[in-house]
Amino acid sequence: MSTPKQPVICVIDDEERIRRLLIEALEDYEEFSLLSAGSAEEALELLAATPADLCIVDMRLPGISGEKFILQAWERGLCPHFLLHSGSMDLSLSEDLQRLGMTDKDVFLKPATTDHMVIRMRQLLQAKVD
């Protein structure tokens, strides 16, 4: 009998310290396969080889923005679910992101509590299975 595959989570943030801290916190849960990238361009290349089940995306990325990354990753079938991880207090979801099914529940302000993020991650990943 094969064991179920762990969900692949990709963390995209240009701030190496934040990316590393988030990966380390998620490793404690031992239920995810984790990838990380410092830019949207790097993440798109990474996901082309290993698609993710969920991406945690910083909105302010150099080059391609977090929103454009989400739209491209969605269109290319590289990831079905996204959480926004942003330091911007006035962040609001665009109509394009809302069309993908994203809601305010998918927006986490830095520094976010990992426990709350994981609860939402599990909800989104479970919805995929149901």
C-alpha atoms as a PDB file:
ATOM      1  CA  MET A   1       0.000   0.000   0.000  1.00  0.00           C
ATOM      2  CA  SER A   2       1.449   3.373  -0.991  1.00  0.00           C
ATOM      3  CA  THR A   3       1.467   6.303   1.381  1.00  0.00           C
ATOM      4  CA  PRO A   4      -0.398   9.391   0.221  1.00  0.00           C
ATOM      5  CA  LYS A   5       1.769  12.056  -1.380  1.00  0.00           C
ATOM      6  CA  GLN A   6       2.456  15.084   0.772  1.00  0.00           C
ATOM      7  CA  PRO A   7       1.044  18.334  -0.621  1.00  0.00           C
ATOM      8  CA  VAL A   8       3.690  20.463  -2.324  1.00  0.00           C
ATOM      9  CA  ILE A   9       3.843  23.999  -0.922  1.00  0.00           C
ATOM     10  CA  CYS A  10       5.926  26.709  -2.592  1.00  0.00           C
ATOM     11  CA  VAL A  11       6.922  29.854  -0.681  1.00  0.00           C
ATOM     12  CA  ILE A  12       7.744  32.833  -2.913  1.00  0.00           C
ATOM     13  CA  ASP A  13       9.296  35.845  -1.185  1.00  0.00           C
ATOM     14  CA  ASP A  14      12.228  38.020  -2.221  1.00  0.00           C
ATOM     15  CA  GLU A  15      13.250  38.542   1.410  1.00  0.00           C
ATOM     16  CA  GLU A  16      15.455  35.525   2.115  1.00  0.00           C
ATOM     17  CA  ARG A  17      15.029  35.782   5.893  1.00  0.00           C
ATOM     18  CA  ILE A  18      11.220  35.760   5.705  1.00  0.00           C
ATOM     19  CA  ARG A  19      11.256  32.924   3.169  1.00  0.00           C
ATOM     20  CA  ARG A  20      13.588  30.857   5.367  1.00  0.00           C
ATOM     21  CA  LEU A  21      11.595  31.506   8.565  1.00  0.00           C
ATOM     22  CA  LEU A  22       8.352  30.515   6.850  1.00  0.00           C
ATOM     23  CA  ILE A  23       9.882  27.319   5.450  1.00  0.00           C
ATOM     24  CA  GLU A  24      11.339  26.433   8.869  1.00  0.00           C
ATOM     25  CA  ALA A  25       7.982  27.007  10.563  1.00  0.00           C
ATOM     26  CA  LEU A  26       6.144  24.866   7.988  1.00  0.00           C
ATOM     27  CA  GLU A  27       8.737  22.073   8.344  1.00  0.00           C
ATOM     28  CA  ASP A  28       7.595  21.674  11.963  1.00  0.00           C
ATOM     29  CA  TYR A  29       4.214  20.401  10.735  1.00  0.00           C
ATOM     30  CA  GLU A  30       5.853  17.503   8.837  1.00  0.00           C
ATOM     31  CA  GLU A  31       2.901  17.257   6.442  1.00  0.00           C
ATOM     32  CA  PHE A  32       4.127  19.269   3.473  1.00  0.00           C
ATOM     33  CA  SER A  33       6.801  18.974   0.792  1.00  0.00           C
ATOM     34  CA  LEU A  34       8.329  22.437   0.638  1.00  0.00           C
ATOM     35  CA  LEU A  35       9.825  24.483  -2.183  1.00  0.00           C
ATOM     36  CA  SER A  36      10.939  28.092  -2.151  1.00  0.00           C
ATOM     37  CA  ALA A  37      11.851  30.814  -4.606  1.00  0.00           C
ATOM     38  CA  GLY A  38      13.103  34.379  -4.303  1.00  0.00           C
ATOM     39  CA  SER A  39      11.267  35.710  -7.349  1.00  0.00           C
ATOM     40  CA  ALA A  40       8.212  35.017  -9.463  1.00  0.00           C
ATOM     41  CA  GLU A  41      10.420  34.129 -12.420  1.00  0.00           C
ATOM     42  CA  GLU A  42      12.355  31.582 -10.334  1.00  0.00           C
ATOM     43  CA  ALA A  43       9.094  30.164  -8.981  1.00  0.00           C
ATOM     44  CA  LEU A  44       7.563  29.742 -12.456  1.00  0.00           C
ATOM     45  CA  GLU A  45      10.654  27.833 -13.569  1.00  0.00           C
ATOM     46  CA  LEU A  46      10.622  25.695 -10.413  1.00  0.00           C
ATOM     47  CA  LEU A  47       6.893  24.947 -10.712  1.00  0.00           C
ATOM     48  CA  ALA A  48       7.234  23.988 -14.385  1.00  0.00           C
ATOM     49  CA  ALA A  49       9.355  21.054 -13.152  1.00  0.00           C
ATOM     50  CA  THR A  50       7.436  20.404  -9.908  1.00  0.00           C
ATOM     51  CA  PRO A  51       3.888  21.817  -9.786  1.00  0.00           C
ATOM     52  CA  ALA A  52       2.653  22.867  -6.345  1.00  0.00           C
ATOM     53  CA  ASP A  53      -0.637  22.241  -4.590  1.00  0.00           C
ATOM     54  CA  LEU A  54      -0.474  25.662  -2.919  1.00  0.00           C
ATOM     55  CA  CYS A  55       1.767  28.739  -3.166  1.00  0.00           C
ATOM     56  CA  ILE A  56       2.366  31.324  -0.463  1.00  0.00           C
ATOM     57  CA  VAL A  57       3.141  34.497  -2.367  1.00  0.00           C
ATOM     58  CA  ASP A  58       4.583  37.856  -1.363  1.00  0.00           C
ATOM     59  CA  MET A  59       2.741  40.522  -3.362  1.00  0.00           C
ATOM     60  CA  ARG A  60       5.726  42.852  -3.768  1.00  0.00           C
ATOM     61  CA  LEU A  61       8.246  40.872  -5.752  1.00  0.00           C
ATOM     62  CA  PRO A  62      10.949  42.258  -8.019  1.00  0.00           C
ATOM     63  CA  GLY A  63      10.210  41.769 -11.714  1.00  0.00           C
ATOM     64  CA  ILE A  64       6.889  39.960 -12.053  1.00  0.00           C
ATOM     65  CA  SER A  65       4.564  41.018  -9.211  1.00  0.00           C
ATOM     66  CA  GLY A  66       2.929  38.544  -6.874  1.00  0.00           C
ATOM     67  CA  GLU A  67      -0.446  39.068  -8.533  1.00  0.00           C
ATOM     68  CA  LYS A  68       0.929  38.523 -12.042  1.00  0.00           C
ATOM     69  CA  PHE A  69       2.752  35.427 -10.795  1.00  0.00           C
ATOM     70  CA  ILE A  70      -0.498  34.001  -9.398  1.00  0.00           C
ATOM     71  CA  LEU A  71      -2.353  34.641 -12.646  1.00  0.00           C
ATOM     72  CA  GLN A  72       0.425  33.068 -14.744  1.00  0.00           C
ATOM     73  CA  ALA A  73       0.844  30.047 -12.452  1.00  0.00           C
ATOM     74  CA  TRP A  74      -2.939  29.493 -12.485  1.00  0.00           C
ATOM     75  CA  GLU A  75      -3.203  29.829 -16.278  1.00  0.00           C
ATOM     76  CA  ARG A  76      -0.308  27.413 -16.803  1.00  0.00           C
ATOM     77  CA  GLY A  77      -1.806  24.857 -14.397  1.00  0.00           C
ATOM     78  CA  LEU A  78       1.225  25.041 -12.100  1.00  0.00           C
ATOM     79  CA  CYS A  79      -0.727  25.623  -8.883  1.00  0.00           C
ATOM     80  CA  PRO A  80      -4.446  25.624  -7.992  1.00  0.00           C
ATOM     81  CA  HIS A  81      -4.350  27.454  -4.617  1.00  0.00           C
ATOM     82  CA  PHE A  82      -2.656  30.597  -3.355  1.00  0.00           C
ATOM     83  CA  LEU A  83      -2.203  32.499  -0.108  1.00  0.00           C
ATOM     84  CA  LEU A  84      -0.978  36.082  -0.100  1.00  0.00           C
ATOM     85  CA  HIS A  85       1.695  36.986   2.423  1.00  0.00           C
ATOM     86  CA  SER A  86       2.128  40.730   2.422  1.00  0.00           C
ATOM     87  CA  GLY A  87       3.422  43.587   4.492  1.00  0.00           C
ATOM     88  CA  SER A  88       0.963  45.977   2.846  1.00  0.00           C
ATOM     89  CA  MET A  89      -1.795  46.943   5.275  1.00  0.00           C
ATOM     90  CA  ASP A  90      -4.016  48.278   2.469  1.00  0.00           C
ATOM     91  CA  LEU A  91      -3.894  45.191   0.283  1.00  0.00           C
ATOM     92  CA  SER A  92      -7.161  44.339  -1.421  1.00  0.00           C
ATOM     93  CA  LEU A  93      -7.795  41.454  -3.778  1.00  0.00           C
ATOM     94  CA  SER A  94      -8.177  42.422  -7.402  1.00  0.00           C
ATOM     95  CA  GLU A  95     -11.147  41.198  -9.436  1.00  0.00           C
ATOM     96  CA  ASP A  96      -8.777  38.853 -11.288  1.00  0.00           C
ATOM     97  CA  LEU A  97      -7.680  37.188  -8.041  1.00  0.00           C
ATOM     98  CA  GLN A  98     -11.267  36.994  -6.819  1.00  0.00           C
ATOM     99  CA  ARG A  99     -12.213  35.231 -10.061  1.00  0.00           C
ATOM    100  CA  LEU A 100      -9.692  32.532  -9.121  1.00  0.00           C
ATOM    101  CA  GLY A 101     -11.678  32.004  -5.922  1.00  0.00           C
ATOM    102  CA  MET A 102      -9.404  33.931  -3.590  1.00  0.00           C
ATOM    103  CA  THR A 103     -11.011  35.674  -0.621  1.00  0.00           C
ATOM    104  CA  ASP A 104      -9.861  37.780   2.330  1.00  0.00           C
ATOM    105  CA  LYS A 105      -9.295  34.469   4.168  1.00  0.00           C
ATOM    106  CA  ASP A 106      -6.355  33.936   1.794  1.00  0.00           C
ATOM    107  CA  VAL A 107      -4.565  37.165   2.776  1.00  0.00           C
ATOM    108  CA  PHE A 108      -2.045  37.103   5.630  1.00  0.00           C
ATOM    109  CA  LEU A 109      -0.217  40.214   6.802  1.00  0.00           C
ATOM    110  CA  LYS A 110       3.438  39.924   7.777  1.00  0.00           C
ATOM    111  CA  PRO A 111       4.358  38.732  10.270  1.00  0.00           C
ATOM    112  CA  ALA A 112       1.593  36.149  10.004  1.00  0.00           C
ATOM    113  CA  THR A 113       0.953  33.442  12.559  1.00  0.00           C
ATOM    114  CA  THR A 114       1.917  30.190  10.907  1.00  0.00           C
ATOM    115  CA  ASP A 115      -0.817  28.315  12.785  1.00  0.00           C
ATOM    116  CA  HIS A 116      -3.499  30.437  11.119  1.00  0.00           C
ATOM    117  CA  MET A 117      -1.891  30.022   7.706  1.00  0.00           C
ATOM    118  CA  VAL A 118      -1.748  26.245   8.114  1.00  0.00           C
ATOM    119  CA  ILE A 119      -5.436  26.100   9.056  1.00  0.00           C
ATOM    120  CA  ARG A 120      -6.309  27.905   5.809  1.00  0.00           C
ATOM    121  CA  MET A 121      -3.849  25.770   3.832  1.00  0.00           C
ATOM    122  CA  ARG A 122      -5.509  22.610   5.119  1.00  0.00           C
ATOM    123  CA  GLN A 123      -8.954  23.982   4.201  1.00  0.00           C
ATOM    124  CA  LEU A 124      -7.876  24.728   0.634  1.00  0.00           C
ATOM    125  CA  LEU A 125      -6.024  21.438   0.212  1.00  0.00           C
ATOM    126  CA  GLN A 126      -8.951  19.458   1.645  1.00  0.00           C
ATOM    127  CA  ALA A 127     -11.368  21.187  -0.749  1.00  0.00           C
ATOM    128  CA  LYS A 128      -9.253  19.810  -3.597  1.00  0.00           C
ATOM    129  CA  VAL A 129      -9.653  16.251  -2.255  1.00  0.00           C
ATOM    130  CA  ASP A 130     -13.403  16.409  -1.538  1.00  0.00           C
END
